Amino acid sequence: MNIGERLREERARLGLNQGDFAAVAKVSKTTQFNYEKGERSPDAAYLEAVAAAGVDVLYVLTGNRSGLSENRLADDESMLLNQYRAMEDSDRATFRRMASALAETAGRYSND
């Protein structure tokens, strides 16, 4: 497996399509496509951006997991975090209010 294939695997693990992942990484969809196809290699700025989104960059580059699996988010948590990061500020505020309300409701029912 090459860097592009591992990058595509990490993107899929996070639940993002190429366009959304490209936006997180601040590159064009075409650039993302070329990285995954192995026709171009990502630079440090790209790798830094995708690492912040939850990509295991060591795995992408070497094929070896970082060993921080106990600190890694579950796949569904990573997907939610990446979707949150892609939102506009006003949508993030709405999402936080909704999440707080759901957590509060769940807390009330867990005591029964």
PDB file of N, CA and C in Angstrom:
ATOM      1  N   MET A   1       0.851  -1.180   0.000  1.00  0.00           N
ATOM      2  CA  MET A   1       0.000   0.000   0.000  1.00  0.00           C
ATOM      3  C   MET A   1       0.894   1.240   0.000  1.00  0.00           C
ATOM      4  N   ASN A   2       0.542   2.228  -0.831  1.00  0.00           N
ATOM      5  CA  ASN A   2       1.361   3.447  -0.915  1.00  0.00           C
ATOM      6  C   ASN A   2       0.726   4.593  -0.125  1.00  0.00           C
ATOM      7  N   ILE A   3       1.405   5.739  -0.111  1.00  0.00           N
ATOM      8  CA  ILE A   3       0.935   6.899   0.657  1.00  0.00           C
ATOM      9  C   ILE A   3      -0.477   7.300   0.234  1.00  0.00           C
ATOM     10  N   GLY A   4      -0.735   7.347  -1.050  1.00  0.00           N
ATOM     11  CA  GLY A   4      -2.055   7.747  -1.530  1.00  0.00           C
ATOM     12  C   GLY A   4      -3.151   6.810  -1.056  1.00  0.00           C
ATOM     13  N   GLU A   5      -2.876   5.519  -1.088  1.00  0.00           N
ATOM     14  CA  GLU A   5      -3.869   4.546  -0.637  1.00  0.00           C
ATOM     15  C   GLU A   5      -4.122   4.661   0.867  1.00  0.00           C
ATOM     16  N   ARG A   6      -3.052   4.869   1.626  1.00  0.00           N
ATOM     17  CA  ARG A   6      -3.218   5.033   3.073  1.00  0.00           C
ATOM     18  C   ARG A   6      -3.943   6.338   3.395  1.00  0.00           C
ATOM     19  N   LEU A   7      -3.666   7.369   2.624  1.00  0.00           N
ATOM     20  CA  LEU A   7      -4.357   8.643   2.810  1.00  0.00           C
ATOM     21  C   LEU A   7      -5.854   8.473   2.533  1.00  0.00           C
ATOM     22  N   ARG A   8      -6.187   7.776   1.474  1.00  0.00           N
ATOM     23  CA  ARG A   8      -7.590   7.508   1.132  1.00  0.00           C
ATOM     24  C   ARG A   8      -8.251   6.678   2.252  1.00  0.00           C
ATOM     25  N   GLU A   9      -7.511   5.717   2.796  1.00  0.00           N
ATOM     26  CA  GLU A   9      -8.033   4.896   3.884  1.00  0.00           C
ATOM     27  C   GLU A   9      -8.335   5.741   5.127  1.00  0.00           C
ATOM     28  N   GLU A  10      -7.436   6.661   5.456  1.00  0.00           N
ATOM     29  CA  GLU A  10      -7.648   7.536   6.611  1.00  0.00           C
ATOM     30  C   GLU A  10      -8.831   8.473   6.375  1.00  0.00           C
ATOM     31  N   ARG A  11      -8.963   8.977   5.161  1.00  0.00           N
ATOM     32  CA  ARG A  11     -10.097   9.850   4.835  1.00  0.00           C
ATOM     33  C   ARG A  11     -11.405   9.086   5.015  1.00  0.00           C
ATOM     34  N   ALA A  12     -11.443   7.852   4.535  1.00  0.00           N
ATOM     35  CA  ALA A  12     -12.641   7.023   4.671  1.00  0.00           C
ATOM     36  C   ALA A  12     -12.917   6.711   6.146  1.00  0.00           C
ATOM     37  N   ARG A  13     -11.874   6.465   6.917  1.00  0.00           N
ATOM     38  CA  ARG A  13     -12.030   6.190   8.344  1.00  0.00           C
ATOM     39  C   ARG A  13     -12.690   7.368   9.048  1.00  0.00           C
ATOM     40  N   LEU A  14     -12.373   8.572   8.603  1.00  0.00           N
ATOM     41  CA  LEU A  14     -12.954   9.777   9.190  1.00  0.00           C
ATOM     42  C   LEU A  14     -14.341  10.097   8.634  1.00  0.00           C
ATOM     43  N   GLY A  15     -14.770   9.350   7.632  1.00  0.00           N
ATOM     44  CA  GLY A  15     -16.107   9.538   7.089  1.00  0.00           C
ATOM     45  C   GLY A  15     -16.264  10.758   6.207  1.00  0.00           C
ATOM     46  N   LEU A  16     -15.180  11.174   5.551  1.00  0.00           N
ATOM     47  CA  LEU A  16     -15.235  12.374   4.711  1.00  0.00           C
ATOM     48  C   LEU A  16     -15.080  12.013   3.239  1.00  0.00           C
ATOM     49  N   ASN A  17     -15.786  12.739   2.377  1.00  0.00           N
ATOM     50  CA  ASN A  17     -15.561  12.574   0.947  1.00  0.00           C
ATOM     51  C   ASN A  17     -14.344  13.418   0.549  1.00  0.00           C
ATOM     52  N   GLN A  18     -13.905  13.284  -0.687  1.00  0.00           N
ATOM     53  CA  GLN A  18     -12.705  14.011  -1.123  1.00  0.00           C
ATOM     54  C   GLN A  18     -12.864  15.518  -1.007  1.00  0.00           C
ATOM     55  N   GLY A  19     -14.007  16.035  -1.365  1.00  0.00           N
ATOM     56  CA  GLY A  19     -14.220  17.476  -1.307  1.00  0.00           C
ATOM     57  C   GLY A  19     -14.155  18.018   0.110  1.00  0.00           C
ATOM     58  N   ASP A  20     -14.819  17.331   1.031  1.00  0.00           N
ATOM     59  CA  ASP A  20     -14.807  17.768   2.435  1.00  0.00           C
ATOM     60  C   ASP A  20     -13.410  17.642   3.035  1.00  0.00           C
ATOM     61  N   PHE A  21     -12.731  16.561   2.709  1.00  0.00           N
ATOM     62  CA  PHE A  21     -11.379  16.349   3.230  1.00  0.00           C
ATOM     63  C   PHE A  21     -10.434  17.404   2.666  1.00  0.00           C
ATOM     64  N   ALA A  22     -10.585  17.723   1.391  1.00  0.00           N
ATOM     65  CA  ALA A  22      -9.761  18.754   0.761  1.00  0.00           C
ATOM     66  C   ALA A  22      -9.975  20.102   1.456  1.00  0.00           C
ATOM     67  N   ALA A  23     -11.227  20.390   1.823  1.00  0.00           N
ATOM     68  CA  ALA A  23     -11.519  21.650   2.516  1.00  0.00           C
ATOM     69  C   ALA A  23     -10.838  21.694   3.886  1.00  0.00           C
ATOM     70  N   VAL A  24     -10.874  20.586   4.605  1.00  0.00           N
ATOM     71  CA  VAL A  24     -10.199  20.509   5.906  1.00  0.00           C
ATOM     72  C   VAL A  24      -8.703  20.746   5.734  1.00  0.00           C
ATOM     73  N   ALA A  25      -8.144  20.174   4.663  1.00  0.00           N
ATOM     74  CA  ALA A  25      -6.709  20.273   4.403  1.00  0.00           C
ATOM     75  C   ALA A  25      -6.311  21.555   3.684  1.00  0.00           C
ATOM     76  N   LYS A  26      -7.319  22.343   3.289  1.00  0.00           N
ATOM     77  CA  LYS A  26      -7.092  23.611   2.589  1.00  0.00           C
ATOM     78  C   LYS A  26      -6.378  23.427   1.246  1.00  0.00           C
ATOM     79  N   VAL A  27      -6.840  22.397   0.504  1.00  0.00           N
ATOM     80  CA  VAL A  27      -6.358  22.167  -0.861  1.00  0.00           C
ATOM     81  C   VAL A  27      -7.576  21.988  -1.758  1.00  0.00           C
ATOM     82  N   SER A  28      -7.360  21.984  -3.055  1.00  0.00           N
ATOM     83  CA  SER A  28      -8.472  21.762  -3.980  1.00  0.00           C
ATOM     84  C   SER A  28      -8.816  20.271  -4.022  1.00  0.00           C
ATOM     85  N   LYS A  29     -10.022  19.982  -4.498  1.00  0.00           N
ATOM     86  CA  LYS A  29     -10.434  18.587  -4.639  1.00  0.00           C
ATOM     87  C   LYS A  29      -9.520  17.857  -5.627  1.00  0.00           C
ATOM     88  N   THR A  30      -9.082  18.555  -6.653  1.00  0.00           N
ATOM     89  CA  THR A  30      -8.169  17.962  -7.631  1.00  0.00           C
ATOM     90  C   THR A  30      -6.842  17.581  -6.981  1.00  0.00           C
ATOM     91  N   THR A  31      -6.329  18.458  -6.125  1.00  0.00           N
ATOM     92  CA  THR A  31      -5.083  18.159  -5.420  1.00  0.00           C
ATOM     93  C   THR A  31      -5.273  16.939  -4.535  1.00  0.00           C
ATOM     94  N   GLN A  32      -6.392  16.885  -3.821  1.00  0.00           N
ATOM     95  CA  GLN A  32      -6.681  15.725  -2.969  1.00  0.00           C
ATOM     96  C   GLN A  32      -6.728  14.460  -3.808  1.00  0.00           C
ATOM     97  N   PHE A  33      -7.395  14.525  -4.938  1.00  0.00           N
ATOM     98  CA  PHE A  33      -7.485  13.384  -5.849  1.00  0.00           C
ATOM     99  C   PHE A  33      -6.086  12.931  -6.280  1.00  0.00           C
ATOM    100  N   ASN A  34      -5.239  13.888  -6.640  1.00  0.00           N
ATOM    101  CA  ASN A  34      -3.881  13.550  -7.079  1.00  0.00           C
ATOM    102  C   ASN A  34      -3.039  12.949  -5.961  1.00  0.00           C
ATOM    103  N   TYR A  35      -3.234  13.405  -4.727  1.00  0.00           N
ATOM    104  CA  TYR A  35      -2.530  12.809  -3.586  1.00  0.00           C
ATOM    105  C   TYR A  35      -2.954  11.354  -3.422  1.00  0.00           C
ATOM    106  N   GLU A  36      -4.242  11.120  -3.469  1.00  0.00           N
ATOM    107  CA  GLU A  36      -4.748   9.763  -3.270  1.00  0.00           C
ATOM    108  C   GLU A  36      -4.390   8.836  -4.419  1.00  0.00           C
ATOM    109  N   LYS A  37      -4.266   9.396  -5.580  1.00  0.00           N
ATOM    110  CA  LYS A  37      -3.898   8.599  -6.761  1.00  0.00           C
ATOM    111  C   LYS A  37      -2.394   8.331  -6.808  1.00  0.00           C
ATOM    112  N   GLY A  38      -1.628   9.048  -5.996  1.00  0.00           N
ATOM    113  CA  GLY A  38      -0.186   8.862  -5.966  1.00  0.00           C
ATOM    114  C   GLY A  38       0.551   9.664  -7.019  1.00  0.00           C
ATOM    115  N   GLU A  39      -0.135  10.616  -7.642  1.00  0.00           N
ATOM    116  CA  GLU A  39       0.489  11.424  -8.687  1.00  0.00           C
ATOM    117  C   GLU A  39       1.207  12.639  -8.130  1.00  0.00           C
ATOM    118  N   ARG A  40       0.884  13.014  -6.895  1.00  0.00           N
ATOM    119  CA  ARG A  40       1.566  14.107  -6.190  1.00  0.00           C
ATOM    120  C   ARG A  40       1.771  13.673  -4.754  1.00  0.00           C
ATOM    121  N   SER A  41       2.728  14.299  -4.098  1.00  0.00           N
ATOM    122  CA  SER A  41       2.978  14.008  -2.688  1.00  0.00           C
ATOM    123  C   SER A  41       2.591  15.216  -1.844  1.00  0.00           C
ATOM    124  N   PRO A  42       1.924  14.964  -0.719  1.00  0.00           N
ATOM    125  CA  PRO A  42       1.519  16.086   0.132  1.00  0.00           C
ATOM    126  C   PRO A  42       2.707  16.761   0.791  1.00  0.00           C
ATOM    127  N   ASP A  43       2.568  18.072   1.049  1.00  0.00           N
ATOM    128  CA  ASP A  43       3.638  18.799   1.732  1.00  0.00           C
ATOM    129  C   ASP A  43       3.356  18.857   3.238  1.00  0.00           C
ATOM    130  N   ALA A  44       4.269  19.461   3.968  1.00  0.00           N
ATOM    131  CA  ALA A  44       4.168  19.507   5.432  1.00  0.00           C
ATOM    132  C   ALA A  44       2.932  20.263   5.901  1.00  0.00           C
ATOM    133  N   ALA A  45       2.562  21.348   5.233  1.00  0.00           N
ATOM    134  CA  ALA A  45       1.381  22.122   5.642  1.00  0.00           C
ATOM    135  C   ALA A  45       0.115  21.271   5.520  1.00  0.00           C
ATOM    136  N   TYR A  46       0.024  20.510   4.447  1.00  0.00           N
ATOM    137  CA  TYR A  46      -1.107  19.609   4.247  1.00  0.00           C
ATOM    138  C   TYR A  46      -1.143  18.558   5.356  1.00  0.00           C
ATOM    139  N   LEU A  47      -0.013  17.932   5.613  1.00  0.00           N
ATOM    140  CA  LEU A  47       0.053  16.885   6.633  1.00  0.00           C
ATOM    141  C   LEU A  47      -0.289  17.426   8.012  1.00  0.00           C
ATOM    142  N   GLU A  48       0.134  18.642   8.292  1.00  0.00           N
ATOM    143  CA  GLU A  48      -0.203  19.276   9.569  1.00  0.00           C
ATOM    144  C   GLU A  48      -1.712  19.489   9.682  1.00  0.00           C
ATOM    145  N   ALA A  49      -2.334  19.943   8.601  1.00  0.00           N
ATOM    146  CA  ALA A  49      -3.777  20.193   8.615  1.00  0.00           C
ATOM    147  C   ALA A  49      -4.569  18.900   8.784  1.00  0.00           C
ATOM    148  N   VAL A  50      -4.180  17.848   8.082  1.00  0.00           N
ATOM    149  CA  VAL A  50      -4.936  16.601   8.204  1.00  0.00           C
ATOM    150  C   VAL A  50      -4.671  15.924   9.543  1.00  0.00           C
ATOM    151  N   ALA A  51      -3.483  16.123  10.110  1.00  0.00           N
ATOM    152  CA  ALA A  51      -3.201  15.587  11.444  1.00  0.00           C
ATOM    153  C   ALA A  51      -4.128  16.228  12.462  1.00  0.00           C
ATOM    154  N   ALA A  52      -4.363  17.526  12.335  1.00  0.00           N
ATOM    155  CA  ALA A  52      -5.263  18.232  13.241  1.00  0.00           C
ATOM    156  C   ALA A  52      -6.695  17.716  13.103  1.00  0.00           C
ATOM    157  N   ALA A  53      -7.015  17.143  11.949  1.00  0.00           N
ATOM    158  CA  ALA A  53      -8.351  16.596  11.711  1.00  0.00           C
ATOM    159  C   ALA A  53      -8.473  15.148  12.169  1.00  0.00           C
ATOM    160  N   GLY A  54      -7.384  14.570  12.674  1.00  0.00           N
ATOM    161  CA  GLY A  54      -7.448  13.211  13.201  1.00  0.00           C
ATOM    162  C   GLY A  54      -6.759  12.152  12.378  1.00  0.00           C
ATOM    163  N   VAL A  55      -6.085  12.552  11.305  1.00  0.00           N
ATOM    164  CA  VAL A  55      -5.363  11.583  10.474  1.00  0.00           C
ATOM    165  C   VAL A  55      -4.098  11.135  11.190  1.00  0.00           C
ATOM    166  N   ASP A  56      -3.825   9.849  11.142  1.00  0.00           N
ATOM    167  CA  ASP A  56      -2.583   9.296  11.683  1.00  0.00           C
ATOM    168  C   ASP A  56      -1.515   9.491  10.599  1.00  0.00           C
ATOM    169  N   VAL A  57      -0.800  10.601  10.664  1.00  0.00           N
ATOM    170  CA  VAL A  57       0.165  10.965   9.620  1.00  0.00           C
ATOM    171  C   VAL A  57       1.316   9.965   9.556  1.00  0.00           C
ATOM    172  N   LEU A  58       1.751   9.449  10.696  1.00  0.00           N
ATOM    173  CA  LEU A  58       2.808   8.433  10.679  1.00  0.00           C
ATOM    174  C   LEU A  58       2.367   7.242   9.841  1.00  0.00           C
ATOM    175  N   TYR A  59       1.126   6.831  10.007  1.00  0.00           N
ATOM    176  CA  TYR A  59       0.601   5.720   9.217  1.00  0.00           C
ATOM    177  C   TYR A  59       0.573   6.063   7.733  1.00  0.00           C
ATOM    178  N   VAL A  60       0.113   7.269   7.407  1.00  0.00           N
ATOM    179  CA  VAL A  60       0.051   7.677   5.994  1.00  0.00           C
ATOM    180  C   VAL A  60       1.437   7.614   5.369  1.00  0.00           C
ATOM    181  N   LEU A  61       2.437   8.105   6.080  1.00  0.00           N
ATOM    182  CA  LEU A  61       3.792   8.174   5.518  1.00  0.00           C
ATOM    183  C   LEU A  61       4.532   6.845   5.521  1.00  0.00           C
ATOM    184  N   THR A  62       4.345   6.041   6.582  1.00  0.00           N
ATOM    185  CA  THR A  62       5.181   4.838   6.734  1.00  0.00           C
ATOM    186  C   THR A  62       4.425   3.520   6.683  1.00  0.00           C
ATOM    187  N   GLY A  63       3.125   3.571   6.884  1.00  0.00           N
ATOM    188  CA  GLY A  63       2.354   2.339   6.971  1.00  0.00           C
ATOM    189  C   GLY A  63       2.312   1.778   8.383  1.00  0.00           C
ATOM    190  N   ASN A  64       2.963   2.450   9.327  1.00  0.00           N
ATOM    191  CA  ASN A  64       2.957   2.028  10.731  1.00  0.00           C
ATOM    192  C   ASN A  64       2.100   2.978  11.543  1.00  0.00           C
ATOM    193  N   ARG A  65       1.219   2.420  12.354  1.00  0.00           N
ATOM    194  CA  ARG A  65       0.363   3.243  13.204  1.00  0.00           C
ATOM    195  C   ARG A  65       1.212   3.938  14.255  1.00  0.00           C
ATOM    196  N   SER A  66       0.752   5.082  14.717  1.00  0.00           N
ATOM    197  CA  SER A  66       1.524   5.911  15.632  1.00  0.00           C
ATOM    198  C   SER A  66       1.673   5.309  17.017  1.00  0.00           C
ATOM    199  N   GLY A  67       0.875   4.314  17.360  1.00  0.00           N
ATOM    200  CA  GLY A  67       0.959   3.729  18.685  1.00  0.00           C
ATOM    201  C   GLY A  67       0.185   4.515  19.713  1.00  0.00           C
ATOM    202  N   LEU A  68      -0.526   5.538  19.286  1.00  0.00           N
ATOM    203  CA  LEU A  68      -1.320   6.350  20.192  1.00  0.00           C
ATOM    204  C   LEU A  68      -2.787   5.936  20.149  1.00  0.00           C
ATOM    205  N   SER A  69      -3.030   4.679  19.804  1.00  0.00           N
ATOM    206  CA  SER A  69      -4.408   4.239  19.596  1.00  0.00           C
ATOM    207  C   SER A  69      -5.273   4.430  20.823  1.00  0.00           C
ATOM    208  N   GLU A  70      -4.688   4.319  22.021  1.00  0.00           N
ATOM    209  CA  GLU A  70      -5.500   4.525  23.218  1.00  0.00           C
ATOM    210  C   GLU A  70      -5.937   5.970  23.350  1.00  0.00           C
ATOM    211  N   ASN A  71      -5.243   6.891  22.683  1.00  0.00           N
ATOM    212  CA  ASN A  71      -5.605   8.304  22.726  1.00  0.00           C
ATOM    213  C   ASN A  71      -6.392   8.744  21.498  1.00  0.00           C
ATOM    214  N   ARG A  72      -6.577   7.847  20.547  1.00  0.00           N
ATOM    215  CA  ARG A  72      -7.265   8.197  19.324  1.00  0.00           C
ATOM    216  C   ARG A  72      -8.767   8.168  19.528  1.00  0.00           C
ATOM    217  N   LEU A  73      -9.435   8.995  18.783  1.00  0.00           N
ATOM    218  CA  LEU A  73     -10.886   9.011  18.824  1.00  0.00           C
ATOM    219  C   LEU A  73     -11.427   7.796  18.087  1.00  0.00           C
ATOM    220  N   ALA A  74     -12.589   7.343  18.500  1.00  0.00           N
ATOM    221  CA  ALA A  74     -13.286   6.308  17.753  1.00  0.00           C
ATOM    222  C   ALA A  74     -13.654   6.885  16.392  1.00  0.00           C
ATOM    223  N   ASP A  75     -13.881   6.015  15.427  1.00  0.00           N
ATOM    224  CA  ASP A  75     -14.185   6.471  14.070  1.00  0.00           C
ATOM    225  C   ASP A  75     -15.375   7.424  14.027  1.00  0.00           C
ATOM    226  N   ASP A  76     -16.439   7.106  14.773  1.00  0.00           N
ATOM    227  CA  ASP A  76     -17.612   7.990  14.739  1.00  0.00           C
ATOM    228  C   ASP A  76     -17.317   9.317  15.420  1.00  0.00           C
ATOM    229  N   GLU A  77     -16.463   9.322  16.442  1.00  0.00           N
ATOM    230  CA  GLU A  77     -16.077  10.578  17.096  1.00  0.00           C
ATOM    231  C   GLU A  77     -15.237  11.435  16.152  1.00  0.00           C
ATOM    232  N   SER A  78     -14.334  10.808  15.428  1.00  0.00           N
ATOM    233  CA  SER A  78     -13.514  11.540  14.456  1.00  0.00           C
ATOM    234  C   SER A  78     -14.376  12.154  13.367  1.00  0.00           C
ATOM    235  N   MET A  79     -15.356  11.382  12.909  1.00  0.00           N
ATOM    236  CA  MET A  79     -16.237  11.880  11.855  1.00  0.00           C
ATOM    237  C   MET A  79     -17.011  13.104  12.355  1.00  0.00           C
ATOM    238  N   LEU A  80     -17.556  13.032  13.574  1.00  0.00           N
ATOM    239  CA  LEU A  80     -18.298  14.170  14.122  1.00  0.00           C
ATOM    240  C   LEU A  80     -17.400  15.390  14.296  1.00  0.00           C
ATOM    241  N   LEU A  81     -16.194  15.169  14.794  1.00  0.00           N
ATOM    242  CA  LEU A  81     -15.265  16.278  14.999  1.00  0.00           C
ATOM    243  C   LEU A  81     -14.909  16.941  13.675  1.00  0.00           C
ATOM    244  N   ASN A  82     -14.666  16.160  12.657  1.00  0.00           N
ATOM    245  CA  ASN A  82     -14.319  16.727  11.356  1.00  0.00           C
ATOM    246  C   ASN A  82     -15.487  17.468  10.731  1.00  0.00           C
ATOM    247  N   GLN A  83     -16.682  16.940  10.912  1.00  0.00           N
ATOM    248  CA  GLN A  83     -17.852  17.646  10.404  1.00  0.00           C
ATOM    249  C   GLN A  83     -18.041  18.955  11.156  1.00  0.00           C
ATOM    250  N   TYR A  84     -17.823  18.938  12.462  1.00  0.00           N
ATOM    251  CA  TYR A  84     -17.907  20.151  13.273  1.00  0.00           C
ATOM    252  C   TYR A  84     -16.897  21.188  12.785  1.00  0.00           C
ATOM    253  N   ARG A  85     -15.675  20.763  12.522  1.00  0.00           N
ATOM    254  CA  ARG A  85     -14.627  21.687  12.075  1.00  0.00           C
ATOM    255  C   ARG A  85     -14.938  22.296  10.718  1.00  0.00           C
ATOM    256  N   ALA A  86     -15.725  21.599   9.914  1.00  0.00           N
ATOM    257  CA  ALA A  86     -16.064  22.097   8.582  1.00  0.00           C
ATOM    258  C   ALA A  86     -17.244  23.076   8.599  1.00  0.00           C
ATOM    259  N   MET A  87     -17.923  23.201   9.755  1.00  0.00           N
ATOM    260  CA  MET A  87     -19.097  24.072   9.864  1.00  0.00           C
ATOM    261  C   MET A  87     -18.717  25.545   9.976  1.00  0.00           C
ATOM    262  N   GLU A  88     -19.681  26.392   9.612  1.00  0.00           N
ATOM    263  CA  GLU A  88     -19.567  27.822   9.863  1.00  0.00           C
ATOM    264  C   GLU A  88     -19.711  28.047  11.369  1.00  0.00           C
ATOM    265  N   ASP A  89     -19.207  29.176  11.866  1.00  0.00           N
ATOM    266  CA  ASP A  89     -19.262  29.475  13.302  1.00  0.00           C
ATOM    267  C   ASP A  89     -20.679  29.443  13.858  1.00  0.00           C
ATOM    268  N   SER A  90     -21.634  29.989  13.126  1.00  0.00           N
ATOM    269  CA  SER A  90     -23.015  30.006  13.626  1.00  0.00           C
ATOM    270  C   SER A  90     -23.580  28.592  13.730  1.00  0.00           C
ATOM    271  N   ASP A  91     -23.218  27.735  12.797  1.00  0.00           N
ATOM    272  CA  ASP A  91     -23.674  26.343  12.851  1.00  0.00           C
ATOM    273  C   ASP A  91     -23.011  25.601  14.007  1.00  0.00           C
ATOM    274  N   ARG A  92     -21.764  25.927  14.289  1.00  0.00           N
ATOM    275  CA  ARG A  92     -21.084  25.308  15.433  1.00  0.00           C
ATOM    276  C   ARG A  92     -21.802  25.655  16.731  1.00  0.00           C
ATOM    277  N   ALA A  93     -22.206  26.914  16.877  1.00  0.00           N
ATOM    278  CA  ALA A  93     -22.922  27.341  18.083  1.00  0.00           C
ATOM    279  C   ALA A  93     -24.236  26.571  18.224  1.00  0.00           C
ATOM    280  N   THR A  94     -24.956  26.413  17.126  1.00  0.00           N
ATOM    281  CA  THR A  94     -26.208  25.653  17.151  1.00  0.00           C
ATOM    282  C   THR A  94     -25.939  24.203  17.531  1.00  0.00           C
ATOM    283  N   PHE A  95     -24.898  23.633  16.967  1.00  0.00           N
ATOM    284  CA  PHE A  95     -24.534  22.244  17.260  1.00  0.00           C
ATOM    285  C   PHE A  95     -24.195  22.078  18.745  1.00  0.00           C
ATOM    286  N   ARG A  96     -23.443  23.026  19.310  1.00  0.00           N
ATOM    287  CA  ARG A  96     -23.086  22.937  20.732  1.00  0.00           C
ATOM    288  C   ARG A  96     -24.324  22.998  21.615  1.00  0.00           C
ATOM    289  N   ARG A  97     -25.267  23.896  21.278  1.00  0.00           N
ATOM    290  CA  ARG A  97     -26.504  23.984  22.058  1.00  0.00           C
ATOM    291  C   ARG A  97     -27.289  22.674  21.976  1.00  0.00           C
ATOM    292  N   MET A  98     -27.370  22.118  20.784  1.00  0.00           N
ATOM    293  CA  MET A  98     -28.095  20.871  20.588  1.00  0.00           C
ATOM    294  C   MET A  98     -27.421  19.730  21.366  1.00  0.00           C
ATOM    295  N   ALA A  99     -26.101  19.635  21.286  1.00  0.00           N
ATOM    296  CA  ALA A  99     -25.383  18.580  21.996  1.00  0.00           C
ATOM    297  C   ALA A  99     -25.563  18.710  23.502  1.00  0.00           C
ATOM    298  N   SER A 100     -25.522  19.927  24.015  1.00  0.00           N
ATOM    299  CA  SER A 100     -25.737  20.152  25.450  1.00  0.00           C
ATOM    300  C   SER A 100     -27.132  19.719  25.869  1.00  0.00           C
ATOM    301  N   ALA A 101     -28.117  20.068  25.074  1.00  0.00           N
ATOM    302  CA  ALA A 101     -29.495  19.691  25.392  1.00  0.00           C
ATOM    303  C   ALA A 101     -29.664  18.172  25.369  1.00  0.00           C
ATOM    304  N   LEU A 102     -29.081  17.512  24.396  1.00  0.00           N
ATOM    305  CA  LEU A 102     -29.169  16.049  24.322  1.00  0.00           C
ATOM    306  C   LEU A 102     -28.475  15.389  25.505  1.00  0.00           C
ATOM    307  N   ALA A 103     -27.300  15.903  25.878  1.00  0.00           N
ATOM    308  CA  ALA A 103     -26.564  15.339  27.012  1.00  0.00           C
ATOM    309  C   ALA A 103     -27.338  15.539  28.306  1.00  0.00           C
ATOM    310  N   GLU A 104     -27.960  16.696  28.451  1.00  0.00           N
ATOM    311  CA  GLU A 104     -28.747  16.974  29.648  1.00  0.00           C
ATOM    312  C   GLU A 104     -29.939  16.027  29.735  1.00  0.00           C
ATOM    313  N   THR A 105     -30.608  15.814  28.621  1.00  0.00           N
ATOM    314  CA  THR A 105     -31.753  14.892  28.569  1.00  0.00           C
ATOM    315  C   THR A 105     -31.297  13.472  28.890  1.00  0.00           C
ATOM    316  N   ALA A 106     -30.191  13.045  28.321  1.00  0.00           N
ATOM    317  CA  ALA A 106     -29.672  11.701  28.577  1.00  0.00           C
ATOM    318  C   ALA A 106     -29.317  11.523  30.039  1.00  0.00           C
ATOM    319  N   GLY A 107     -28.785  12.570  30.661  1.00  0.00           N
ATOM    320  CA  GLY A 107     -28.434  12.529  32.079  1.00  0.00           C
ATOM    321  C   GLY A 107     -29.659  12.345  32.961  1.00  0.00           C
ATOM    322  N   ARG A 108     -30.756  12.960  32.589  1.00  0.00           N
ATOM    323  CA  ARG A 108     -31.996  12.830  33.364  1.00  0.00           C
ATOM    324  C   ARG A 108     -32.524  11.406  33.316  1.00  0.00           C
ATOM    325  N   TYR A 109     -32.412  10.776  32.143  1.00  0.00           N
ATOM    326  CA  TYR A 109     -32.953   9.425  31.997  1.00  0.00           C
ATOM    327  C   TYR A 109     -32.010   8.350  32.527  1.00  0.00           C
ATOM    328  N   SER A 110     -30.737   8.638  32.634  1.00  0.00           N
ATOM    329  CA  SER A 110     -29.790   7.635  33.130  1.00  0.00           C
ATOM    330  C   SER A 110     -29.918   7.436  34.633  1.00  0.00           C
ATOM    331  N   ASN A 111     -30.548   8.370  35.346  1.00  0.00           N
ATOM    332  CA  ASN A 111     -30.731   8.249  36.795  1.00  0.00           C
ATOM    333  C   ASN A 111     -31.946   7.402  37.156  1.00  0.00           C
ATOM    334  N   ASP A 112     -32.782   7.066  36.168  1.00  0.00           N
ATOM    335  CA  ASP A 112     -33.995   6.283  36.445  1.00  0.00           C
ATOM    336  C   ASP A 112     -33.685   4.823  36.623  1.00  0.00           C
TER     337      ASP A 112
END
